[in-house]
Amino acid sequence: MKLTEFWARMREQFGDVYAESVARDHVCSGLDGRTPAEALERGIEPRVVWRAVCADFDVPVGHRH
């Protein structure tokens, strides 16, 4: 998954404003205490970050692509 696809999925799931907030402020349990934005900055693959967000927010399987 490319970074642009990650952001498209975030915006689709959470809306433009809330997607940014989730990425900046939510500490994901599956990302070793990092926010999605921090994980991406550290080079963690966008697909791994997306899966962690999906797990924490119980994103329905059909919306996970």
Protein backbone atom coordinates (compact mmCIF):
# COMPACT_ATOMS: atom_id res chain seq x y z
CA MET A 1 0.00 0.00 0.00
CA LYS A 2 1.26 3.44 -0.89
CA LEU A 3 1.08 6.35 1.51
CA THR A 4 -1.50 8.06 -0.71
CA GLU A 5 -3.74 5.01 -0.47
CA PHE A 6 -3.36 4.98 3.32
CA TRP A 7 -4.54 8.59 3.52
CA ALA A 8 -7.40 7.94 1.09
CA ARG A 9 -8.63 5.09 3.29
CA MET A 10 -8.26 7.18 6.44
CA ARG A 11 -10.30 10.00 4.91
CA GLU A 12 -12.90 7.59 3.57
CA GLN A 13 -13.32 5.98 6.98
CA PHE A 14 -13.08 9.02 9.27
CA GLY A 15 -13.63 12.11 7.12
CA ASP A 16 -11.03 14.73 6.25
CA VAL A 17 -10.68 16.46 9.61
CA TYR A 18 -11.06 13.48 11.94
CA ALA A 19 -8.61 11.38 9.87
CA GLU A 20 -5.89 13.93 10.58
CA SER A 21 -6.78 13.92 14.27
CA VAL A 22 -6.69 10.12 14.49
CA ALA A 23 -3.31 10.03 12.76
CA ARG A 24 -1.82 12.71 15.02
CA ASP A 25 -3.43 11.95 18.37
CA HIS A 26 -4.49 8.30 18.68
CA VAL A 27 -1.88 5.96 20.15
CA CYS A 28 -2.40 2.57 18.47
CA SER A 29 -1.96 -0.53 20.57
CA GLY A 30 -0.46 -2.37 17.60
CA LEU A 31 2.17 0.28 16.90
CA ASP A 32 4.21 0.02 20.10
CA GLY A 33 2.73 3.13 21.64
CA ARG A 34 3.01 5.30 18.55
CA THR A 35 0.42 7.33 16.74
CA PRO A 36 -0.16 6.45 13.09
CA ALA A 37 1.70 9.62 12.06
CA GLU A 38 4.70 8.72 14.24
CA ALA A 39 4.73 5.17 12.89
CA LEU A 40 4.72 6.39 9.30
CA GLU A 41 7.51 8.86 10.06
CA ARG A 42 9.59 6.00 11.49
CA GLY A 43 9.21 4.05 8.28
CA ILE A 44 6.57 1.53 9.30
CA GLU A 45 4.72 0.37 6.21
CA PRO A 46 1.40 2.16 5.59
CA ARG A 47 -0.40 -1.21 5.36
CA VAL A 48 0.78 -2.14 8.87
CA VAL A 49 -0.34 1.24 10.19
CA TRP A 50 -3.73 0.93 8.46
CA ARG A 51 -4.28 -2.52 9.98
CA ALA A 52 -3.48 -1.16 13.45
CA VAL A 53 -5.96 1.69 12.97
CA CYS A 54 -8.61 -0.77 11.76
CA ALA A 55 -8.08 -2.97 14.81
CA ASP A 56 -8.29 -0.10 17.29
CA PHE A 57 -11.40 1.42 15.73
CA ASP A 58 -13.16 -1.85 14.83
CA VAL A 59 -13.35 -0.88 11.17
CA PRO A 60 -15.69 -3.40 9.50
CA VAL A 61 -13.92 -5.95 7.34
CA GLY A 62 -15.71 -4.70 4.23
CA HIS A 63 -14.21 -1.24 4.75
CA ARG A 64 -10.67 -2.45 5.25
CA HIS A 65 -10.26 -3.22 1.51
